[in-house]
């Protein structure tokens, strides 16, 4: 008895020490301590739970699973271990196993809040939105103050286009914790999609907040002050691009306004190499850079991230100057001169975006041949603008649709722009080429996903506030791309007749 008490006291002391190490972030030492203690206390449930959690945190998923299985060998109805196995299998990408363990945990403990939250996240990831909403609501009925669940519910609402519900949920959270950057940023994107630009831009600045665990990026450590919209009065400002190529193209219009409206003496624009030649044609920009290190050789007084600029141009026309924005150099036009042998209208197509984009599964087509219904519309010569992933899909289809494959030959976006300048229409998924065509003032039809629709496409509109010549074709929820392409084919027949 005395020996058992001594072991219990030692185990409690060890757990306290391990918890202190975890609180300090010294996970490696905590793991070593736990492994050492488990040599003497192999059946210690608290130690096994901590060991499993630490191994999972370290990415050692096999070791974590082994510890959780030891816990279940001690007690088959250990809801914490079942939930932990669900989390670990989720991390490994085996969502079927994860769901099985979450369900087992909830059979043991139906109101297990953390498990309900984890299960809802899994359902959301699988685009099982109504089930995810039901799971979050079940949790919040039991525990209305579970903030992670309230936030998770807001994201499902936002992704499914229930923007009012998402905003209400987020505002409720921010009443409790006004400076929580993740909630602020998400509300900002919801408001921007709703067309509430004044408040939306302000909240969207939380996207890079140091305390935001989902921050898109971290601000660089520059010694110059960050610009907050004040008159520049003859100063030099550096603008740093961010996010995707389409973002840089879309919001380059604001960079051109700094001299005219904010009295900048010089404007330095840090872009990306593949956009350098294109951005260099923009007016009122003195230097275009392509790499961050180049800023070391440039004297400037202040700086700003590119997507913070709209917040400081909330004029009557917050979207101006409207396209066309870019100048196409004559020698490039000559290089990419398209044949005019027939009277056919020339239409460019893009069917895939960046495969690394988090919503690419929703916004890209699986294959070029999904566009086949469009080939039936007479009077069109098709031009593939696809560059990178998917560009090879055109060639096997040449027998049924001899599309001119220009994309593989493009060196940069100035080449792409030179080809677009000679087209009558561009049809594209939601990717950078759509923004390029729109910025050039070229008629452009964009296939927009109905799930997790980007905030750049204002809700409730089939046109674009940013691009007057653009038309949006939405893929509605539970709809295949086939239905969208059929609608485009019908619209295309009408368009051809009108030309």
Protein backbone atom coordinates (compact mmCIF):
# COMPACT_ATOMS: atom_id res chain seq x y z
CA UNK A 1 0.00 0.00 0.00
CA UNK A 2 2.78 2.42 0.99
CA UNK A 3 4.64 1.54 -2.21
CA UNK A 4 1.54 2.22 -4.34
CA UNK A 5 1.03 5.59 -2.65
CA UNK A 6 4.69 6.46 -3.23
CA UNK A 7 4.34 5.55 -6.94
CA UNK A 8 1.17 7.65 -7.22
CA UNK A 9 2.91 10.64 -5.64
CA UNK A 10 5.88 10.21 -7.98
CA UNK A 11 3.56 9.95 -10.99
CA UNK A 12 1.72 13.12 -9.98
CA UNK A 13 5.02 14.93 -9.51
CA UNK A 14 6.25 13.72 -12.90
CA UNK A 15 3.03 14.85 -14.57
CA UNK A 16 3.34 18.31 -13.04
CA UNK A 17 6.92 18.57 -14.24
CA UNK A 18 5.94 17.38 -17.72
CA UNK A 19 3.05 19.85 -17.85
CA UNK A 20 5.42 22.68 -16.93
CA UNK A 21 7.72 21.66 -19.78
CA UNK A 22 4.76 21.61 -22.18
CA UNK A 23 3.61 25.03 -20.97
CA UNK A 24 7.11 26.38 -21.71
CA UNK A 25 7.05 24.81 -25.17
CA UNK A 26 9.87 22.38 -24.39
CA UNK A 27 8.13 19.44 -26.05
CA UNK A 28 11.27 17.41 -26.75
CA UNK A 29 12.26 17.29 -23.07
CA UNK A 30 8.66 16.52 -22.10
CA UNK A 31 8.63 13.55 -24.49
CA UNK A 32 11.89 12.21 -23.04
CA UNK A 33 10.54 12.55 -19.49
CA UNK A 34 7.33 10.73 -20.38
CA UNK A 35 9.17 7.87 -22.08
CA UNK A 36 11.36 7.53 -19.02
CA UNK A 37 8.40 7.51 -16.60
CA UNK A 38 6.50 4.97 -18.71
CA UNK A 39 9.31 2.47 -18.13
CA UNK A 40 8.14 2.39 -14.49
CA UNK A 41 4.43 3.21 -14.94
CA UNK A 42 3.43 1.35 -18.11
CA UNK A 43 -0.29 1.49 -17.26
CA UNK A 44 -0.41 5.17 -16.30
CA UNK A 45 -3.39 6.53 -18.22
CA UNK A 46 -2.44 10.23 -17.77
CA UNK A 47 1.13 9.57 -18.95
CA UNK A 48 -0.04 7.58 -21.97
CA UNK A 49 -2.45 10.35 -22.96
CA UNK A 50 0.29 12.98 -22.71
CA UNK A 51 2.71 10.74 -24.61
CA UNK A 52 0.20 10.24 -27.43
CA UNK A 53 -0.57 13.96 -27.65
CA UNK A 54 3.11 14.92 -27.73
CA UNK A 55 3.95 12.35 -30.41
CA UNK A 56 1.07 13.58 -32.52
CA UNK A 57 2.22 17.18 -32.06
CA UNK A 58 5.72 16.14 -33.18
CA UNK A 59 4.27 14.45 -36.27
CA UNK A 60 5.18 10.95 -35.08
CA UNK A 61 1.77 9.57 -35.96
CA UNK A 62 2.67 5.87 -35.72
CA UNK A 63 3.98 6.38 -32.19
CA UNK A 64 0.87 8.37 -31.26
CA UNK A 65 -1.40 5.61 -32.58
CA UNK A 66 0.58 3.04 -30.60
CA UNK A 67 0.08 4.98 -27.35
CA UNK A 68 -3.64 5.44 -28.01
CA UNK A 69 -4.00 1.71 -28.71
CA UNK A 70 -2.29 0.96 -25.39
CA UNK A 71 -4.89 3.18 -23.73
CA UNK A 72 -7.73 1.30 -25.43
CA UNK A 73 -6.20 -1.99 -24.30
CA UNK A 74 -6.54 -0.69 -20.75
CA UNK A 75 -10.08 0.64 -21.35
CA UNK A 76 -11.92 0.02 -24.61
CA UNK A 77 -14.33 2.86 -23.82
CA UNK A 78 -11.74 5.59 -23.28
CA UNK A 79 -13.45 8.39 -25.22
CA UNK A 80 -10.33 10.56 -25.05
CA UNK A 81 -8.21 7.87 -26.67
CA UNK A 82 -10.84 7.26 -29.36
CA UNK A 83 -10.98 10.98 -30.10
CA UNK A 84 -7.18 11.12 -30.14
CA UNK A 85 -7.05 8.28 -32.65
CA UNK A 86 -9.58 10.15 -34.77
CA UNK A 87 -7.36 13.25 -34.73
CA UNK A 88 -4.25 11.24 -35.53
CA UNK A 89 -5.85 9.45 -38.48
CA UNK A 90 -7.18 12.83 -39.66
CA UNK A 91 -3.63 14.18 -39.60
CA UNK A 92 -2.46 11.18 -41.63
CA UNK A 93 -5.11 11.84 -44.29
CA UNK A 94 -7.16 8.71 -43.61
CA UNK A 95 -10.50 10.43 -43.10
CA UNK A 96 -12.50 7.20 -43.13
CA UNK A 97 -10.59 5.88 -40.11
CA UNK A 98 -10.84 9.28 -38.41
CA UNK A 99 -14.61 9.33 -38.81
CA UNK A 100 -14.90 5.81 -37.44
CA UNK A 101 -13.04 6.71 -34.24
CA UNK A 102 -14.92 9.99 -33.77
CA UNK A 103 -18.19 8.09 -34.03
CA UNK A 104 -16.99 5.51 -31.50
CA UNK A 105 -16.00 8.27 -29.07
CA UNK A 106 -19.40 9.93 -29.44
CA UNK A 107 -21.19 6.65 -28.79
CA UNK A 108 -19.32 6.50 -25.48
CA UNK A 109 -19.79 10.19 -24.69
CA UNK A 110 -22.52 11.78 -26.90
CA UNK A 111 -21.89 15.36 -25.71
CA UNK A 112 -18.09 15.19 -25.97
CA UNK A 113 -17.53 18.78 -27.14
CA UNK A 114 -13.96 18.49 -28.40
CA UNK A 115 -14.83 15.37 -30.40
CA UNK A 116 -17.95 16.97 -31.89
CA UNK A 117 -15.79 19.91 -32.95
CA UNK A 118 -13.19 17.63 -34.53
CA UNK A 119 -15.88 15.64 -36.31
CA UNK A 120 -17.47 18.82 -37.68
CA UNK A 121 -14.09 19.93 -39.04
CA UNK A 122 -13.72 16.57 -40.79
CA UNK A 123 -17.22 16.81 -42.30
CA UNK A 124 -16.47 20.33 -43.52
CA UNK A 125 -13.23 19.16 -45.14
CA UNK A 126 -15.21 16.51 -47.01
CA UNK A 127 -17.70 19.13 -48.25
CA UNK A 128 -20.48 17.45 -46.23
CA UNK A 129 -21.67 20.89 -45.26
CA UNK A 130 -25.12 20.19 -43.88
CA UNK A 131 -23.75 17.42 -41.67
CA UNK A 132 -21.00 19.76 -40.47
CA UNK A 133 -23.54 22.48 -39.65
CA UNK A 134 -25.65 19.94 -37.75
CA UNK A 135 -22.62 18.75 -35.80
CA UNK A 136 -21.59 22.28 -34.83
CA UNK A 137 -25.15 23.17 -33.85
CA UNK A 138 -25.43 20.03 -31.73
CA UNK A 139 -22.24 21.02 -29.91
CA UNK A 140 -23.31 24.65 -29.42
CA UNK A 141 -26.71 23.58 -28.09
CA UNK A 142 -24.87 21.66 -25.38
CA UNK A 143 -22.10 24.25 -24.90
CA UNK A 144 -23.02 27.71 -26.32
CA UNK A 145 -19.66 29.16 -25.23
CA UNK A 146 -17.49 26.79 -27.26
CA UNK A 147 -15.84 29.47 -29.40
CA UNK A 148 -13.95 27.20 -31.78
CA UNK A 149 -17.24 25.57 -32.73
CA UNK A 150 -18.92 28.94 -33.25
CA UNK A 151 -16.02 29.97 -35.49
CA UNK A 152 -16.09 26.66 -37.36
CA UNK A 153 -19.81 27.10 -37.97
CA UNK A 154 -19.17 30.58 -39.37
CA UNK A 155 -16.68 29.17 -41.88
CA UNK A 156 -19.15 26.54 -43.11
CA UNK A 157 -21.76 29.27 -43.54
CA UNK A 158 -19.25 31.40 -45.44
CA UNK A 159 -18.16 28.55 -47.71
CA UNK A 160 -21.75 27.69 -48.60
CA UNK A 161 -22.69 31.29 -49.37
CA UNK A 162 -24.77 31.85 -46.22
CA UNK A 163 -22.99 35.15 -45.69
CA UNK A 164 -25.47 36.85 -43.37
CA UNK A 165 -25.36 33.85 -41.03
CA UNK A 166 -21.56 33.79 -41.16
CA UNK A 167 -21.32 37.51 -40.37
CA UNK A 168 -23.77 37.19 -37.47
CA UNK A 169 -21.78 34.31 -35.99
CA UNK A 170 -18.49 36.19 -36.31
CA UNK A 171 -19.84 39.44 -34.88
CA UNK A 172 -21.11 37.51 -31.89
CA UNK A 173 -17.65 36.08 -31.32
CA UNK A 174 -15.98 39.47 -31.68
CA UNK A 175 -18.26 40.93 -29.03
CA UNK A 176 -16.61 38.49 -26.63
CA UNK A 177 -13.06 38.92 -27.92
CA UNK A 178 -12.81 42.02 -30.16
CA UNK A 179 -9.17 41.69 -31.22
CA UNK A 180 -9.11 38.00 -32.17
CA UNK A 181 -7.29 38.28 -35.54
CA UNK A 182 -8.58 35.09 -37.16
CA UNK A 183 -12.20 36.07 -36.57
CA UNK A 184 -11.52 39.63 -37.73
CA UNK A 185 -9.88 38.45 -40.94
CA UNK A 186 -12.65 35.97 -41.74
CA UNK A 187 -15.32 38.59 -41.13
CA UNK A 188 -13.35 40.92 -43.39
CA UNK A 189 -13.51 38.43 -46.26
CA UNK A 190 -17.23 37.82 -45.69
CA UNK A 191 -17.91 41.57 -45.78
CA UNK A 192 -15.84 42.05 -48.94
CA UNK A 193 -17.82 39.31 -50.67
CA UNK A 194 -21.01 41.10 -49.58
CA UNK A 195 -19.74 44.36 -51.08
CA UNK A 196 -19.25 46.01 -47.67
CA UNK A 197 -15.86 47.36 -48.66
CA UNK A 198 -15.35 50.12 -46.10
CA UNK A 199 -15.53 47.81 -43.09
CA UNK A 200 -14.26 44.79 -45.01
CA UNK A 201 -10.87 46.25 -45.95
CA UNK A 202 -10.26 47.40 -42.39
CA UNK A 203 -10.89 43.95 -40.93
CA UNK A 204 -9.00 42.22 -43.76
CA UNK A 205 -5.78 43.78 -42.45
CA UNK A 206 -5.81 41.09 -39.75
CA UNK A 207 -4.78 38.55 -42.43
CA UNK A 208 -1.11 39.05 -41.48
CA UNK A 209 -1.54 39.78 -37.77
CA UNK A 210 1.25 38.22 -35.71
CA UNK A 211 -1.26 36.47 -33.42
CA UNK A 212 -3.32 35.00 -36.28
CA UNK A 213 -2.62 31.24 -36.45
CA UNK A 214 -4.01 31.21 -40.00
CA UNK A 215 -2.05 34.28 -41.15
CA UNK A 216 -1.53 34.33 -44.92
CA UNK A 217 2.04 35.59 -44.35
CA UNK A 218 4.13 37.53 -41.85
CA UNK A 219 5.08 41.14 -42.44
CA UNK A 220 8.78 41.56 -43.22
CA UNK A 221 10.95 43.32 -40.67
CA UNK A 222 11.64 46.59 -42.48
CA UNK A 223 12.96 49.63 -40.62
CA UNK A 224 10.88 52.13 -42.60
CA UNK A 225 7.41 52.98 -41.23
CA UNK A 226 4.32 51.23 -42.52
CA UNK A 227 2.12 53.53 -44.60
CA UNK A 228 -1.37 54.16 -43.19
CA UNK A 229 -2.96 56.17 -46.00
CA UNK A 230 -1.67 59.64 -45.10
CA UNK A 231 -0.57 62.07 -47.88
CA UNK A 232 2.91 61.12 -49.04
CA UNK A 233 3.94 64.70 -49.86
CA UNK A 234 6.90 63.91 -52.07
CA UNK A 235 8.04 60.71 -50.35
CA UNK A 236 9.07 57.44 -51.96
CA UNK A 237 6.86 54.46 -51.14
CA UNK A 238 7.54 50.76 -51.71
CA UNK A 239 4.58 48.47 -52.39
CA UNK A 240 5.06 44.76 -51.70
CA UNK A 241 2.98 42.25 -53.61
CA UNK A 242 1.28 39.38 -51.83
CA UNK A 243 -0.69 36.18 -52.36
CA UNK A 244 -1.32 34.93 -55.91
CA UNK A 245 -0.50 36.25 -59.35
CA UNK A 246 -4.15 37.15 -59.90
CA UNK A 247 -4.10 39.32 -56.76
CA UNK A 248 -1.05 41.20 -57.98
CA UNK A 249 -2.72 41.84 -61.34
CA UNK A 250 -6.10 42.80 -59.90
CA UNK A 251 -4.80 45.24 -57.30
CA UNK A 252 -2.03 46.78 -59.38
CA UNK A 253 -4.53 49.53 -60.27
CA UNK A 254 -4.11 50.98 -56.78
CA UNK A 255 -0.34 51.19 -57.15
CA UNK A 256 -0.85 53.50 -60.13
CA UNK A 257 -2.92 55.93 -58.00
CA UNK A 258 -0.27 56.71 -55.40
CA UNK A 259 1.32 59.58 -57.29
CA UNK A 260 -1.88 61.10 -58.55
CA UNK A 261 -3.97 60.88 -55.38
CA UNK A 262 -1.49 60.51 -52.51
CA UNK A 263 1.27 62.80 -53.85
CA UNK A 264 4.03 60.19 -53.89
CA UNK A 265 7.29 61.35 -55.47
CA UNK A 266 8.35 57.84 -56.48
CA UNK A 267 6.67 54.44 -56.39
CA UNK A 268 8.64 51.20 -56.11
CA UNK A 269 6.65 48.02 -56.79
CA UNK A 270 7.92 44.62 -55.67
CA UNK A 271 6.18 42.06 -57.89
CA UNK A 272 7.06 38.59 -59.16
CA UNK A 273 9.48 37.58 -61.96
CA UNK A 274 6.78 36.16 -64.25
CA UNK A 275 4.89 39.48 -64.03
CA UNK A 276 7.85 41.86 -64.35
CA UNK A 277 7.51 42.73 -68.04
CA UNK A 278 3.75 43.18 -67.68
CA UNK A 279 3.86 45.35 -64.54
CA UNK A 280 6.59 47.50 -66.08
CA UNK A 281 4.01 48.84 -68.54
CA UNK A 282 1.85 50.33 -65.77
CA UNK A 283 1.81 54.13 -65.54
CA UNK A 284 3.17 56.10 -62.57
CA UNK A 285 5.45 53.36 -61.29
CA UNK A 286 9.15 54.22 -61.21
CA UNK A 287 10.74 50.86 -60.45
CA UNK A 288 9.51 47.29 -60.65
CA UNK A 289 11.43 44.75 -58.60
CA UNK A 290 11.14 40.98 -58.65
CA UNK A 291 12.89 39.78 -55.47
CA UNK A 292 12.67 41.00 -51.89
CA UNK A 293 16.46 41.29 -51.61
CA UNK A 294 16.42 44.06 -54.22
CA UNK A 295 14.80 46.36 -51.67
CA UNK A 296 18.15 46.56 -49.89
CA UNK A 297 19.49 48.68 -52.74
CA UNK A 298 16.51 51.03 -52.89
CA UNK A 299 15.95 54.16 -50.80
CA UNK A 300 12.33 54.54 -49.73
CA UNK A 301 10.53 56.37 -46.93
CA UNK A 302 7.64 54.01 -46.16
CA UNK A 303 6.04 50.83 -47.41
CA UNK A 304 2.73 49.00 -47.64
CA UNK A 305 1.38 45.59 -48.59
CA UNK A 306 -0.46 45.70 -51.90
CA UNK A 307 -3.84 44.48 -50.64
CA UNK A 308 -3.91 47.12 -47.92
CA UNK A 309 -4.03 49.85 -50.58
CA UNK A 310 -7.80 49.67 -51.30
CA UNK A 311 -8.56 50.72 -47.72
CA UNK A 312 -6.92 54.08 -48.44
CA UNK A 313 -8.78 54.71 -51.72
CA UNK A 314 -12.40 54.50 -50.58
CA UNK A 315 -13.54 57.14 -53.03
CA UNK A 316 -16.82 57.23 -54.95
CA UNK A 317 -15.19 54.81 -57.39
CA UNK A 318 -13.19 52.38 -55.25
CA UNK A 319 -12.52 50.14 -58.26
CA UNK A 320 -10.84 52.67 -60.54
CA UNK A 321 -9.03 53.17 -62.69
CA UNK A 322 -11.03 50.63 -64.61
CA UNK A 323 -9.45 48.46 -67.32
CA UNK A 324 -7.63 48.45 -69.62
CA UNK A 325 -4.66 48.81 -67.30
CA UNK A 326 -1.73 47.32 -69.21
CA UNK A 327 0.06 48.39 -72.36
CA UNK A 328 1.08 45.64 -74.78
CA UNK A 329 4.39 46.29 -76.52
CA UNK A 330 4.30 46.23 -80.32
CA UNK A 331 7.13 43.72 -80.70
CA UNK A 332 5.31 41.25 -78.45
CA UNK A 333 2.08 41.63 -80.41
CA UNK A 334 4.02 40.86 -83.57
CA UNK A 335 5.63 37.84 -81.94
CA UNK A 336 2.25 36.39 -80.97
CA UNK A 337 0.33 37.44 -84.05
CA UNK A 338 -2.59 35.06 -84.57
CA UNK A 339 -3.59 34.00 -88.05
CA UNK A 340 -6.59 35.82 -89.52
CA UNK A 341 -7.15 33.38 -92.39
CA UNK A 342 -10.77 32.71 -91.47
CA UNK A 343 -13.62 34.81 -90.17
CA UNK A 344 -13.96 32.60 -87.10
CA UNK A 345 -14.06 34.32 -83.73
CA UNK A 346 -11.01 33.56 -81.61
CA UNK A 347 -11.70 32.38 -78.06
CA UNK A 348 -9.06 31.53 -75.46
CA UNK A 349 -9.60 28.91 -72.76
CA UNK A 350 -8.03 28.14 -69.38
CA UNK A 351 -9.36 25.16 -67.38
CA UNK A 352 -6.94 24.77 -64.48
CA UNK A 353 -5.55 27.10 -61.83
CA UNK A 354 -2.67 26.71 -59.42
CA UNK A 355 -2.86 23.17 -58.02
CA UNK A 356 -1.41 24.42 -54.72
CA UNK A 357 -4.41 26.71 -54.14
CA UNK A 358 -6.42 25.52 -51.13
CA UNK A 359 -9.67 25.57 -53.12
CA UNK A 360 -8.26 24.15 -56.34
CA UNK A 361 -10.40 21.00 -56.10
CA UNK A 362 -13.46 23.22 -56.41
CA UNK A 363 -12.26 25.78 -58.94
CA UNK A 364 -10.30 23.76 -61.54
CA UNK A 365 -11.67 21.34 -64.11
CA UNK A 366 -10.40 17.78 -64.03
CA UNK A 367 -9.46 17.75 -67.72
CA UNK A 368 -9.53 19.83 -70.88
CA UNK A 369 -12.04 17.46 -72.50
CA UNK A 370 -14.71 18.58 -70.01
CA UNK A 371 -15.03 21.65 -72.25
CA UNK A 372 -16.03 19.44 -75.21
CA UNK A 373 -19.65 20.77 -75.39
CA UNK A 374 -18.20 24.16 -76.35
CA UNK A 375 -16.58 22.70 -79.47
CA UNK A 376 -20.04 22.15 -80.93
CA UNK A 377 -20.63 25.90 -81.21
CA UNK A 378 -19.81 26.85 -84.82
CA UNK A 379 -17.81 29.86 -85.92
CA UNK A 380 -15.08 29.71 -83.26
CA UNK A 381 -11.36 29.09 -83.40
CA UNK A 382 -10.13 27.89 -80.02
CA UNK A 383 -6.85 28.94 -78.44
CA UNK A 384 -5.44 27.25 -75.33
CA UNK A 385 -3.88 29.74 -72.92
CA UNK A 386 -3.20 26.99 -70.37
CA UNK A 387 0.32 27.20 -68.94
CA UNK A 388 1.74 24.62 -66.56
CA UNK A 389 -0.50 21.90 -65.11
CA UNK A 390 -2.93 20.71 -67.78
CA UNK A 391 -1.21 22.22 -70.81
CA UNK A 392 -0.41 18.73 -72.12
CA UNK A 393 -4.10 17.76 -72.21
CA UNK A 394 -4.75 19.70 -75.42
CA UNK A 395 -2.64 17.57 -77.76
CA UNK A 396 -4.47 14.21 -77.41
CA UNK A 397 -7.71 16.06 -78.18
CA UNK A 398 -6.42 17.54 -81.43
CA UNK A 399 -8.28 15.02 -83.58
CA UNK A 400 -11.67 16.15 -82.28
CA UNK A 401 -10.84 19.78 -81.53
CA UNK A 402 -7.71 21.32 -83.05
CA UNK A 403 -7.22 24.02 -80.43
CA UNK A 404 -4.12 26.12 -80.94
CA UNK A 405 -1.91 25.40 -77.91
CA UNK A 406 -0.11 28.66 -77.16
CA UNK A 407 0.23 28.24 -73.39
CA UNK A 408 3.32 25.98 -73.39
CA UNK A 409 5.19 28.62 -75.41
CA UNK A 410 4.52 31.53 -73.05
CA UNK A 411 7.60 32.81 -71.24
CA UNK A 412 5.80 35.23 -68.92
CA UNK A 413 2.49 37.04 -68.46
CA UNK A 414 3.40 39.70 -71.00
CA UNK A 415 3.36 36.91 -73.59
CA UNK A 416 -0.03 35.75 -72.31
CA UNK A 417 -1.33 39.32 -72.49
CA UNK A 418 -0.08 39.67 -76.08
CA UNK A 419 -2.10 36.63 -77.12
CA UNK A 420 -5.19 37.74 -75.17
CA UNK A 421 -5.07 41.15 -76.88
CA UNK A 422 -5.84 39.43 -80.20
CA UNK A 423 -8.72 37.30 -78.94
CA UNK A 424 -12.42 38.10 -79.04
CA UNK A 425 -13.23 36.36 -75.75
CA UNK A 426 -11.54 34.45 -72.92
CA UNK A 427 -13.29 31.63 -71.02
CA UNK A 428 -11.47 30.69 -67.84
CA UNK A 429 -11.74 29.13 -64.43
CA UNK A 430 -11.09 31.41 -61.45
CA UNK A 431 -7.36 31.95 -61.90
CA UNK A 432 -4.79 34.62 -62.78
CA UNK A 433 -5.50 34.60 -66.53
CA UNK A 434 -9.09 35.63 -65.81
CA UNK A 435 -7.78 38.63 -63.86
CA UNK A 436 -5.34 39.43 -66.66
CA UNK A 437 -8.05 39.35 -69.34
CA UNK A 438 -10.33 41.42 -67.13
CA UNK A 439 -7.59 43.96 -66.44
CA UNK A 440 -7.03 44.34 -70.18
CA UNK A 441 -10.70 45.11 -70.73
CA UNK A 442 -11.13 41.92 -72.75
CA UNK A 443 -14.53 40.16 -72.62
CA UNK A 444 -14.01 37.30 -70.20
CA UNK A 445 -16.35 34.60 -68.90
CA UNK A 446 -15.28 33.07 -65.61
CA UNK A 447 -16.37 29.72 -64.20
CA UNK A 448 -16.76 30.40 -60.48
CA UNK A 449 -17.08 27.65 -57.84
CA UNK A 450 -20.15 27.89 -55.64
CA UNK A 451 -18.31 26.39 -52.66
CA UNK A 452 -15.80 28.66 -50.90
CA UNK A 453 -16.35 31.30 -53.57
CA UNK A 454 -13.57 33.86 -53.51
CA UNK A 455 -14.49 37.22 -51.96
CA UNK A 456 -13.29 38.95 -55.13
CA UNK A 457 -16.56 37.92 -56.80
CA UNK A 458 -19.26 39.99 -55.11
CA UNK A 459 -22.23 37.89 -53.97
CA UNK A 460 -25.47 38.16 -55.90
CA UNK A 461 -23.87 39.37 -59.12
CA UNK A 462 -23.19 37.74 -62.47
CA UNK A 463 -20.96 40.63 -63.48
CA UNK A 464 -17.85 41.98 -61.78
CA UNK A 465 -17.39 45.32 -60.06
CA UNK A 466 -13.70 45.08 -60.90
CA UNK A 467 -13.93 44.22 -64.59
CA UNK A 468 -16.75 45.76 -66.69
CA UNK A 469 -16.34 43.22 -69.53
CA UNK A 470 -16.54 40.17 -67.28
CA UNK A 471 -19.38 37.70 -66.87
CA UNK A 472 -19.56 35.10 -64.10
CA UNK A 473 -20.93 31.57 -64.50
CA UNK A 474 -21.43 29.99 -61.08
CA UNK A 475 -21.23 26.32 -60.31
CA UNK A 476 -24.03 25.96 -57.79
CA UNK A 477 -23.80 23.64 -54.81
CA UNK A 478 -24.31 19.95 -55.62
CA UNK A 479 -23.85 20.78 -59.31
CA UNK A 480 -21.25 19.33 -61.66
CA UNK A 481 -19.15 21.46 -63.99
CA UNK A 482 -21.03 19.82 -66.88
CA UNK A 483 -24.10 21.92 -66.11
CA UNK A 484 -22.05 25.12 -66.03
CA UNK A 485 -20.36 24.31 -69.34
CA UNK A 486 -23.76 23.58 -70.90
CA UNK A 487 -24.93 27.07 -69.84
CA UNK A 488 -21.77 28.59 -71.29
CA UNK A 489 -22.32 26.75 -74.58
CA UNK A 490 -25.83 28.21 -74.84
CA UNK A 491 -24.54 31.70 -74.04
CA UNK A 492 -21.76 31.22 -76.56
CA UNK A 493 -24.20 30.45 -79.36
CA UNK A 494 -26.03 33.70 -78.63
CA UNK A 495 -22.77 35.64 -78.40
CA UNK A 496 -21.53 34.34 -81.78
CA UNK A 497 -24.77 35.45 -83.45
CA UNK A 498 -24.40 38.93 -81.97
CA UNK A 499 -20.89 39.48 -83.30
